Structures are given as structure tokens and as C-alpha cells.
Amino acid sequence: MTFDRQYMTMALDLAKKGCGFTSPNPMVGAVVVRNGRVVGKGYHEIVGGFHAEVNAIDDARGQAVGATLYVTLEPCNHTGRTPPCTEKIISSGIRRVVTAMEDPNPAVTGGGNRYLKQMGVEVLVGVCEEEAKHLNAAFIKHVRTRRPFVVLKSAATLDGRIAAATGDARWVTNALSRHYVHRLRHAVDAVMVGIGTVKADNPSLTTRLPGLVNGRKWRDPVRIILDSRLSIDPEAVVLTQRSSSPTLLVTGDLTGVPGLMEKKEALLNKGAQFLQAPVKDGRIDLSALMDRLGAMDITSLLIEGGAAVAGSALADNIVDRVMMFFASKLYGGDNGVPITRGTGPALMAHSTHLKNIEVKRFGDDVMIKGDIEEEAPGDKG
């Protein structure tokens, strides 16, 4: 089992190389081991490309006969964009397959492993399972619920202010933290802010990193702007910059908006796309919006909006993970912009609780990451 974990950890590290390129497919890595020696390695490099198992077996160059295949997700036994990986495994002569986790899709869970067993291949499931599930949390949620995995990110001073009273927020955190956020943008399918952030900061919401990642250009996320009354300036940076990904304007019912047709035409000429969503209490219903984004195969969403959007996201229970960056500075007043706006619970025990806490330093900044608990301790019993 010790060696199984060692090789599966290697496969997980390979899987991470597909980050940002495989959605809506999962990140998967594979290693072929024969007589205690790694003879083949591969990962799912890009959506539509060969799966990790195929790449690893091909890399083994005929040395897979009698070998063990370590793969981070159950091999597929159905034809999608590519043929079934189970057939490749059987024809290669592999005698043992170790998988980290079963396929989370209820329609196919266990099917690949069962078929391999029927064909005489030894199968072991569950090695490094939690690590594999954490890596593909977005894929797992989307395939089970058809909704995106949502990460709420904020950058604040130690006393909880994301901007000064004037709206100035450049820069709360340091360059190292901002660099990491650009890597997050590459990793997710979409980034979302409210129209207030666009008007105040005029952000680009792109992935601005030098060089290449695993031989490919860094990927821009789809930019989602919550703009219920379509008040965005057609000259906003998110509409005028060069980017490989679109800007999606989420509006409510625009009946009665002055000059609507002319403004829509101007925005369409800028390449903007539109999505109408229900409005609740004067704001976009984020829960309903998640259903629509999931149907568009957006599997992961990074919320970078201001206090109102952050508060709404928590109130609508759409957040799966929180990432809070705290700068080593104090704003020193109660008139700055808080991390969230809205009405909180009457009791502290009913606050949103986090689990799986991780703490990371970026120079003098500190990032606290945690997953939302489905049920807060104060609500139990």
C-alpha cells in the first residue's frame, strides 16, 4: 500500500498539469509501473484530447504487459469524445489497475472497474481518494448537481475593509497575492463581479501571467457581470480588451429601460453576450443563475465581486469554498467598505462555518481557505 500511495501521488501531480484546460472534463493523471519501475506517464492534457490512461500506456511503448496502472479516476467504459479507456487498458496487457476514486457520475459509477474485473484485471479502488476528490471538486459537483463549484474570494485589511470610503482599492494586498489570484482565474471556467465593481475599478478580469503553462497559453475565464438594468459603459475594459474568452452580461427583465435596443446593439458590437436571469429583491437571483451557468457547462466560478455580491452569494447559499486574503495593514476606520453587505444572522452560532482550513502566506499577506460546512455547528441538535 505504501508503494501504491507513492505512485498515486505521482499520478495526482501529473493530473494537476491539466488545470485550466480540461473542463468540463476532470483533471486525471496516470502512471504505468512494471517491476517497481515507472515505464509510462500521462495526463489528460486538454478537453477533447486523449485521456490520461491512453497517454500513459502510449508512453510505456509496449512495456505495459503485466504492469500496474495507477490512475486518479476510474477508467471510462463508454464512448464520448474518445473511445473507452478500458479497451485500451485490456489490449495493452496491464494486469492490475489502482484507481483513486470511482467516477462520480451516477450513470457510470463503477462501470469501468466492473468491466475490468470481468476481463480478468485486478482492480483496487480508494488509494489517495480524498486528495483526488479535492482536486476535482468542481467536476464532482457539476456532474452530480449540474451547478458550478463556487469559490468566493476577497482581499481585505486586517480590520475587514476591502476598499476605502472613497471606493479606492488599489491595492489592498501585495503583488504576490495578486499573482496567485491570476492563477486562480486560469484554473476556473468563469469569474463573476457586480456592475458596482466594474464602475468603481474598471477591471479587466483576465489572466495576466508571463510565459506559458505546460506549453500552452494561460487561459482567460469567461467574465460574468451582474448588471440587472444594463448600465455598463460600452467602453469598459471588460468589453474593449483583447481576450480569448467572452464577457457575459447577466440582466433582469429590461422592459422599459431607456434606449435599450441601441445600447444592446452597441454592446453586441463589442462582443458582449447576454443572459437574462430572475431578479429577487432588486438583485439577480444567484441560485437560479447557478442553474443556468451549469447548463452552459461552466463547472467552476470565482466570485471576485464587491461586498454586495459577496453578501448575496452567502445569503443564497451558492458558495462552496472561501478564499480570504488579508493584508498586513489596518484601515483604521469604520467608514470603509466591508467584506460583505446585507443582513447577517441574529446569533453568532448561526454564522457560516468552514472546514478543511488551509493557511498560506504570500509575503506579508495571509490567505485563509476553507470549504463551507453544509450545516453549522450552532444549528445541530
Protein backbone atom coordinates (compact mmCIF):
# COMPACT_ATOMS: atom_id res chain seq x y z
CA MET A 1 0.00 0.00 0.00
CA THR A 2 2.93 2.34 0.68
CA PHE A 3 4.12 1.98 -2.91
CA ASP A 4 0.54 2.36 -4.16
CA ARG A 5 0.28 5.75 -2.43
CA GLN A 6 3.66 6.78 -3.78
CA TYR A 7 2.71 6.10 -7.38
CA MET A 8 -0.79 7.53 -6.97
CA THR A 9 0.72 10.74 -5.59
CA MET A 10 2.81 10.88 -8.76
CA ALA A 11 -0.35 10.43 -10.82
CA LEU A 12 -2.11 13.21 -8.89
CA ASP A 13 0.80 15.57 -9.56
CA LEU A 14 0.51 14.76 -13.26
CA ALA A 15 -3.23 15.40 -13.17
CA LYS A 16 -2.67 18.93 -11.88
CA LYS A 17 -0.86 19.80 -15.10
CA GLY A 18 -4.25 19.76 -16.84
CA CYS A 19 -5.56 22.55 -14.58
CA GLY A 20 -7.42 25.14 -16.62
CA PHE A 21 -7.52 23.09 -19.83
CA THR A 22 -9.76 20.06 -19.28
CA SER A 23 -13.13 21.50 -18.19
CA PRO A 24 -15.85 20.26 -18.30
CA ASN A 25 -13.81 17.06 -18.05
CA PRO A 26 -11.88 16.23 -14.87
CA MET A 27 -8.14 16.51 -14.30
CA VAL A 28 -6.71 12.97 -14.47
CA GLY A 29 -3.18 11.60 -14.22
CA ALA A 30 -1.86 8.07 -14.82
CA VAL A 31 1.36 6.15 -14.22
CA VAL A 32 2.36 2.71 -15.56
CA VAL A 33 4.66 0.71 -13.24
CA ARG A 34 6.37 -2.57 -14.14
CA ASN A 35 8.69 -4.48 -11.82
CA GLY A 36 8.96 -1.49 -9.50
CA ARG A 37 9.92 0.92 -12.28
CA VAL A 38 7.85 3.70 -13.87
CA VAL A 39 7.67 2.93 -17.58
CA GLY A 40 4.90 5.32 -18.64
CA LYS A 41 3.34 8.60 -17.53
CA GLY A 42 0.48 10.70 -18.86
CA TYR A 43 -2.31 13.09 -18.03
CA HIS A 44 -5.46 14.45 -19.61
CA GLU A 45 -3.96 17.48 -21.32
CA ILE A 46 -6.92 19.24 -22.90
CA VAL A 47 -10.66 18.70 -23.33
CA GLY A 48 -11.24 16.57 -26.41
CA GLY A 49 -7.73 15.12 -26.21
CA PHE A 50 -6.67 11.62 -25.20
CA HIS A 51 -7.37 10.55 -21.63
CA ALA A 52 -4.60 10.07 -19.09
CA GLU A 53 -4.64 6.26 -19.32
CA VAL A 54 -4.13 6.32 -23.09
CA ASN A 55 -1.27 8.81 -22.84
CA ALA A 56 0.46 6.81 -20.09
CA ILE A 57 0.12 3.48 -21.91
CA ASP A 58 1.37 5.00 -25.15
CA ASP A 59 4.30 6.49 -23.22
CA ALA A 60 5.14 2.99 -21.93
CA ARG A 61 5.90 1.94 -25.53
CA GLY A 62 4.90 -1.72 -25.23
CA GLN A 63 6.20 -2.19 -21.68
CA ALA A 64 2.70 -2.21 -20.16
CA VAL A 65 2.31 -6.00 -20.41
CA GLY A 66 1.93 -7.37 -16.88
CA ALA A 67 2.25 -3.87 -15.40
CA THR A 68 0.15 -1.90 -12.90
CA LEU A 69 -1.70 1.22 -13.98
CA TYR A 70 -2.24 3.94 -11.39
CA VAL A 71 -4.96 6.39 -12.40
CA THR A 72 -6.62 9.13 -10.36
CA LEU A 73 -10.15 8.45 -11.66
CA GLU A 74 -11.97 5.27 -12.63
CA PRO A 75 -11.30 4.49 -16.32
CA CYS A 76 -14.23 5.20 -18.59
CA ASN A 77 -16.13 2.34 -20.19
CA HIS A 78 -18.20 4.42 -22.59
CA THR A 79 -17.55 6.30 -25.80
CA GLY A 80 -17.56 10.08 -25.54
CA ARG A 81 -15.18 12.39 -27.36
CA THR A 82 -12.72 9.46 -27.26
CA PRO A 83 -13.05 5.63 -27.19
CA PRO A 84 -13.38 3.74 -23.86
CA CYS A 85 -10.15 3.68 -21.85
CA THR A 86 -11.00 0.20 -20.55
CA GLU A 87 -10.43 -1.27 -24.01
CA LYS A 88 -7.01 0.39 -24.24
CA ILE A 89 -6.08 -1.00 -20.82
CA ILE A 90 -7.11 -4.56 -21.71
CA SER A 91 -5.41 -4.57 -25.10
CA SER A 92 -2.17 -3.25 -23.55
CA GLY A 93 -1.82 -6.29 -21.28
CA ILE A 94 -1.98 -4.41 -17.99
CA ARG A 95 -2.79 -6.89 -15.21
CA ARG A 96 -3.62 -4.53 -12.30
CA VAL A 97 -5.37 -1.15 -12.09
CA VAL A 98 -5.27 1.06 -9.00
CA THR A 99 -7.72 3.98 -9.00
CA ALA A 100 -8.05 6.82 -6.50
CA MET A 101 -11.84 7.17 -6.83
CA GLU A 102 -14.84 5.93 -8.76
CA ASP A 103 -16.42 8.08 -11.44
CA PRO A 104 -18.86 10.41 -9.59
CA ASN A 105 -21.38 10.34 -12.44
CA PRO A 106 -24.29 8.27 -11.06
CA ALA A 107 -24.94 6.90 -14.54
CA VAL A 108 -21.49 5.32 -14.89
CA THR A 109 -20.13 4.91 -11.32
CA GLY A 110 -18.25 1.61 -11.04
CA GLY A 111 -18.91 0.57 -14.62
CA GLY A 112 -15.31 0.82 -15.77
CA ASN A 113 -13.97 -1.04 -12.75
CA ARG A 114 -16.57 -3.80 -13.08
CA TYR A 115 -15.74 -4.32 -16.73
CA LEU A 116 -12.02 -4.55 -16.00
CA LYS A 117 -12.68 -7.15 -13.30
CA GLN A 118 -14.85 -9.15 -15.69
CA MET A 119 -11.95 -9.18 -18.13
CA GLY A 120 -9.57 -10.57 -15.53
CA VAL A 121 -7.83 -7.35 -14.47
CA GLU A 122 -7.17 -6.92 -10.75
CA VAL A 123 -8.70 -3.64 -9.51
CA LEU A 124 -8.03 -1.67 -6.31
CA VAL A 125 -10.08 1.47 -5.54
CA GLY A 126 -9.61 4.22 -2.96
CA VAL A 127 -5.88 4.97 -2.84
CA CYS A 128 -5.48 8.73 -2.13
CA GLU A 129 -9.25 9.09 -2.56
CA GLU A 130 -9.66 12.31 -0.55
CA GLU A 131 -6.83 14.01 -2.43
CA ALA A 132 -8.42 13.01 -5.74
CA LYS A 133 -11.82 14.31 -4.68
CA HIS A 134 -10.34 17.63 -3.57
CA LEU A 135 -8.53 18.02 -6.90
CA ASN A 136 -11.72 17.51 -8.91
CA ALA A 137 -14.23 19.11 -6.55
CA ALA A 138 -15.65 21.22 -9.39
CA PHE A 139 -16.11 18.25 -11.73
CA ILE A 140 -17.74 16.20 -8.97
CA LYS A 141 -20.24 18.90 -8.04
CA HIS A 142 -21.13 19.71 -11.63
CA VAL A 143 -21.66 16.10 -12.70
CA ARG A 144 -23.89 15.46 -9.68
CA THR A 145 -25.85 18.73 -9.48
CA ARG A 146 -25.33 20.41 -12.90
CA ARG A 147 -24.21 23.51 -10.99
CA PRO A 148 -20.76 25.14 -10.85
CA PHE A 149 -18.42 24.84 -7.89
CA VAL A 150 -18.28 28.38 -6.46
CA VAL A 151 -15.24 29.99 -4.83
CA LEU A 152 -15.74 33.31 -3.04
CA LYS A 153 -12.54 35.36 -2.94
CA SER A 154 -11.96 38.62 -1.06
CA ALA A 155 -8.94 40.77 -0.27
CA ALA A 156 -9.16 42.83 2.90
CA THR A 157 -7.23 44.68 5.57
CA LEU A 158 -6.89 43.01 8.97
CA ASP A 159 -9.84 45.04 10.20
CA GLY A 160 -12.02 43.76 7.38
CA ARG A 161 -12.13 46.50 4.76
CA ILE A 162 -11.89 45.73 1.03
CA ALA A 163 -11.82 49.38 -0.04
CA ALA A 164 -11.61 52.87 1.39
CA ALA A 165 -14.71 55.01 1.83
CA THR A 166 -13.84 56.66 -1.50
CA GLY A 167 -14.01 53.27 -3.20
CA ASP A 168 -10.24 53.10 -3.71
CA ALA A 169 -8.99 49.50 -3.51
CA ARG A 170 -5.61 49.67 -5.30
CA TRP A 171 -4.03 47.79 -3.76
CA VAL A 172 -5.28 46.11 -0.61
CA THR A 173 -2.97 43.08 -0.93
CA ASN A 174 0.50 42.70 -2.35
CA ALA A 175 1.78 41.59 -5.76
CA LEU A 176 2.34 38.00 -4.64
CA SER A 177 -1.31 37.64 -3.64
CA ARG A 178 -2.48 39.21 -6.89
CA HIS A 179 -0.26 36.84 -8.87
CA TYR A 180 -1.92 33.89 -7.13
CA VAL A 181 -5.38 35.27 -7.98
CA HIS A 182 -4.39 35.35 -11.65
CA ARG A 183 -3.52 31.65 -11.37
CA LEU A 184 -6.99 31.11 -9.87
CA ARG A 185 -8.55 32.82 -12.87
CA HIS A 186 -6.71 30.44 -15.16
CA ALA A 187 -7.97 27.47 -13.14
CA VAL A 188 -11.69 28.33 -13.20
CA ASP A 189 -14.19 28.47 -16.03
CA ALA A 190 -15.61 31.87 -15.12
CA VAL A 191 -15.11 34.89 -12.86
CA MET A 192 -18.06 36.98 -11.64
CA VAL A 193 -18.41 40.54 -10.33
CA GLY A 194 -21.22 43.03 -9.92
CA ILE A 195 -21.70 46.15 -12.01
CA GLY A 196 -20.61 48.21 -8.99
CA THR A 197 -17.13 46.72 -9.19
CA VAL A 198 -16.95 47.40 -12.92
CA LYS A 199 -17.91 51.04 -12.41
CA ALA A 200 -15.59 51.57 -9.44
CA ASP A 201 -12.47 49.69 -10.61
CA ASN A 202 -12.91 49.16 -14.37
CA PRO A 203 -11.17 45.76 -14.07
CA SER A 204 -10.01 43.53 -16.91
CA LEU A 205 -10.72 40.18 -15.13
CA THR A 206 -8.19 38.38 -17.32
CA THR A 207 -5.26 36.07 -16.56
CA ARG A 208 -2.21 38.27 -16.96
CA LEU A 209 0.75 35.97 -16.37
CA PRO A 210 4.03 35.75 -18.30
CA GLY A 211 5.20 32.80 -20.33
CA LEU A 212 3.41 29.51 -20.90
CA VAL A 213 1.97 26.84 -18.61
CA ASN A 214 2.78 23.28 -19.71
CA GLY A 215 3.47 24.55 -23.20
CA ARG A 216 0.18 26.42 -23.57
CA LYS A 217 -1.00 30.00 -23.14
CA TRP A 218 -2.61 30.88 -19.84
CA ARG A 219 -6.39 30.82 -20.18
CA ASP A 220 -8.78 33.73 -19.57
CA PRO A 221 -12.01 32.86 -17.77
CA VAL A 222 -15.44 33.81 -19.03
CA ARG A 223 -16.21 37.19 -17.44
CA ILE A 224 -19.68 37.40 -15.88
CA ILE A 225 -21.04 40.83 -14.96
CA LEU A 226 -24.20 41.10 -12.84
CA ASP A 227 -25.94 44.11 -14.39
CA SER A 228 -29.69 43.86 -13.79
CA ARG A 229 -30.53 47.14 -15.57
CA LEU A 230 -27.78 47.05 -18.22
CA SER A 231 -25.99 50.17 -17.03
CA ILE A 232 -22.47 49.14 -18.09
CA ASP A 233 -20.38 51.61 -20.06
CA PRO A 234 -19.76 50.22 -23.57
CA GLU A 235 -16.16 51.45 -23.21
CA ALA A 236 -15.49 49.41 -20.05
CA VAL A 237 -12.23 47.45 -20.20
CA VAL A 238 -14.03 44.09 -19.90
CA LEU A 239 -15.68 44.88 -23.25
CA THR A 240 -12.86 46.57 -25.16
CA GLN A 241 -9.80 44.46 -24.31
CA ARG A 242 -8.45 41.60 -26.40
CA SER A 243 -9.28 38.24 -24.86
CA SER A 244 -9.97 34.70 -26.00
CA SER A 245 -12.96 34.45 -23.63
CA PRO A 246 -16.28 36.34 -23.79
CA THR A 247 -17.92 38.78 -21.40
CA LEU A 248 -21.40 37.68 -20.32
CA LEU A 249 -23.80 40.37 -19.10
CA VAL A 250 -26.44 38.99 -16.75
CA THR A 251 -29.54 41.16 -16.70
CA GLY A 252 -33.06 41.10 -15.36
CA ASP A 253 -36.18 41.98 -17.31
CA LEU A 254 -35.13 45.07 -19.26
CA THR A 255 -38.63 46.20 -20.20
CA GLY A 256 -38.79 49.98 -20.01
CA VAL A 257 -35.03 50.60 -19.96
CA PRO A 258 -34.44 53.81 -21.99
CA GLY A 259 -32.54 53.34 -25.25
CA LEU A 260 -32.40 49.58 -24.73
CA MET A 261 -32.13 48.47 -28.36
CA GLU A 262 -29.40 50.98 -29.20
CA LYS A 263 -27.38 50.07 -26.12
CA LYS A 264 -27.74 46.34 -26.75
CA GLU A 265 -26.57 46.79 -30.32
CA ALA A 266 -23.54 48.78 -29.15
CA LEU A 267 -22.65 46.09 -26.59
CA LEU A 268 -23.13 43.29 -29.11
CA ASN A 269 -20.71 45.11 -31.42
CA LYS A 270 -18.19 44.95 -28.55
CA GLY A 271 -18.61 41.17 -28.44
CA ALA A 272 -20.74 41.07 -25.29
CA GLN A 273 -23.12 38.17 -24.70
CA PHE A 274 -26.38 38.38 -22.76
CA LEU A 275 -28.16 36.17 -20.27
CA GLN A 276 -31.46 37.11 -18.63
CA ALA A 277 -31.99 35.78 -15.12
CA PRO A 278 -34.71 36.14 -12.49
CA VAL A 279 -34.46 39.11 -10.13
CA LYS A 280 -35.21 38.78 -6.42
CA ASP A 281 -35.44 41.76 -4.05
CA GLY A 282 -33.96 44.04 -6.70
CA ARG A 283 -30.93 41.84 -7.47
CA ILE A 284 -30.09 38.88 -9.68
CA ASP A 285 -31.27 35.62 -8.12
CA LEU A 286 -27.88 33.91 -7.81
CA SER A 287 -29.31 30.48 -7.06
CA ALA A 288 -31.32 30.49 -10.30
CA LEU A 289 -28.28 31.86 -12.14
CA MET A 290 -26.16 28.89 -11.00
CA ASP A 291 -28.58 26.51 -12.71
CA ARG A 292 -28.22 28.44 -15.95
CA LEU A 293 -24.44 28.64 -15.77
CA GLY A 294 -24.21 24.93 -15.02
CA ALA A 295 -26.32 24.19 -18.09
CA MET A 296 -23.69 26.13 -20.09
CA ASP A 297 -21.02 23.67 -18.83
CA ILE A 298 -19.47 26.26 -16.53
CA THR A 299 -18.20 23.89 -13.85
CA SER A 300 -16.30 26.37 -11.67
CA LEU A 301 -16.89 30.01 -10.79
CA LEU A 302 -14.69 32.51 -8.95
CA ILE A 303 -16.61 35.37 -7.35
CA GLU A 304 -14.45 38.49 -7.14
CA GLY A 305 -17.28 40.94 -6.68
CA GLY A 306 -17.64 43.57 -4.00
CA ALA A 307 -19.37 43.49 -0.65
CA ALA A 308 -22.93 43.31 -2.02
CA VAL A 309 -22.21 40.38 -4.35
CA ALA A 310 -20.28 38.54 -1.62
CA GLY A 311 -23.14 39.01 0.84
CA SER A 312 -25.71 37.89 -1.72
CA ALA A 313 -23.69 34.81 -2.63
CA LEU A 314 -23.52 33.70 1.00
CA ALA A 315 -27.19 34.54 1.61
CA ASP A 316 -28.23 32.49 -1.45
CA ASN A 317 -26.11 29.53 -0.28
CA ILE A 318 -24.25 29.14 -3.57
CA VAL A 319 -20.70 29.26 -2.16
CA ASP A 320 -18.65 26.06 -1.80
CA ARG A 321 -15.25 27.46 -0.87
CA VAL A 322 -13.96 30.72 0.60
CA MET A 323 -10.55 32.26 -0.01
CA MET A 324 -9.83 35.33 2.12
CA PHE A 325 -6.62 37.30 1.58
CA PHE A 326 -5.66 39.55 4.48
CA ALA A 327 -3.04 42.27 4.09
CA SER A 328 -0.71 43.24 6.94
CA LYS A 329 -2.38 46.62 7.29
CA LEU A 330 -5.24 48.28 9.18
CA TYR A 331 -7.70 50.63 7.52
CA GLY A 332 -8.34 52.27 10.87
CA GLY A 333 -11.94 53.41 10.45
CA ASP A 334 -15.48 52.10 10.25
CA ASN A 335 -16.35 54.01 7.06
CA GLY A 336 -14.51 51.74 4.63
CA VAL A 337 -16.18 49.06 2.52
CA PRO A 338 -16.70 45.81 4.49
CA ILE A 339 -16.09 42.32 3.12
CA THR A 340 -19.83 41.65 2.89
CA ARG A 341 -23.01 43.72 2.94
CA GLY A 342 -26.51 42.66 3.88
CA THR A 343 -28.24 41.31 6.96
CA GLY A 344 -26.37 38.68 8.94
CA PRO A 345 -27.81 36.15 11.41
CA ALA A 346 -29.12 37.16 14.81
CA LEU A 347 -26.80 34.72 16.60
CA MET A 348 -23.06 34.22 16.08
CA ALA A 349 -23.67 30.46 16.27
CA HIS A 350 -25.61 30.75 13.01
CA SER A 351 -22.64 32.20 11.12
CA THR A 352 -21.31 30.37 8.08
CA HIS A 353 -18.79 27.80 9.31
CA LEU A 354 -15.79 26.49 7.37
CA LYS A 355 -13.97 23.17 7.31
CA ASN A 356 -10.78 21.85 5.70
CA ILE A 357 -8.97 25.04 6.68
CA GLU A 358 -5.71 25.90 4.94
CA VAL A 359 -3.48 28.89 5.69
CA LYS A 360 -0.88 30.18 3.23
CA ARG A 361 1.41 33.19 3.32
CA PHE A 362 2.20 35.44 0.36
CA GLY A 363 4.96 37.62 1.74
CA ASP A 364 3.27 39.67 4.47
CA ASP A 365 -0.23 38.69 3.29
CA VAL A 366 -2.10 35.71 4.70
CA MET A 367 -4.66 33.65 2.79
CA ILE A 368 -7.23 31.57 4.67
CA LYS A 369 -9.07 28.95 2.61
CA GLY A 370 -11.91 26.76 3.74
CA ASP A 371 -14.92 24.84 2.45
CA ILE A 372 -18.43 25.76 3.52
CA GLU A 373 -19.97 23.36 6.03
CA GLU A 374 -23.42 22.26 4.95
CA GLU A 375 -24.69 22.58 8.49
CA ALA A 376 -23.23 24.99 11.02
CA PRO A 377 -22.46 23.55 14.48
CA GLY A 378 -24.88 26.01 16.09
CA ASP A 379 -27.74 24.53 14.03
CA LYS A 380 -27.20 20.94 15.10
CA GLY A 381 -29.35 19.13 17.61
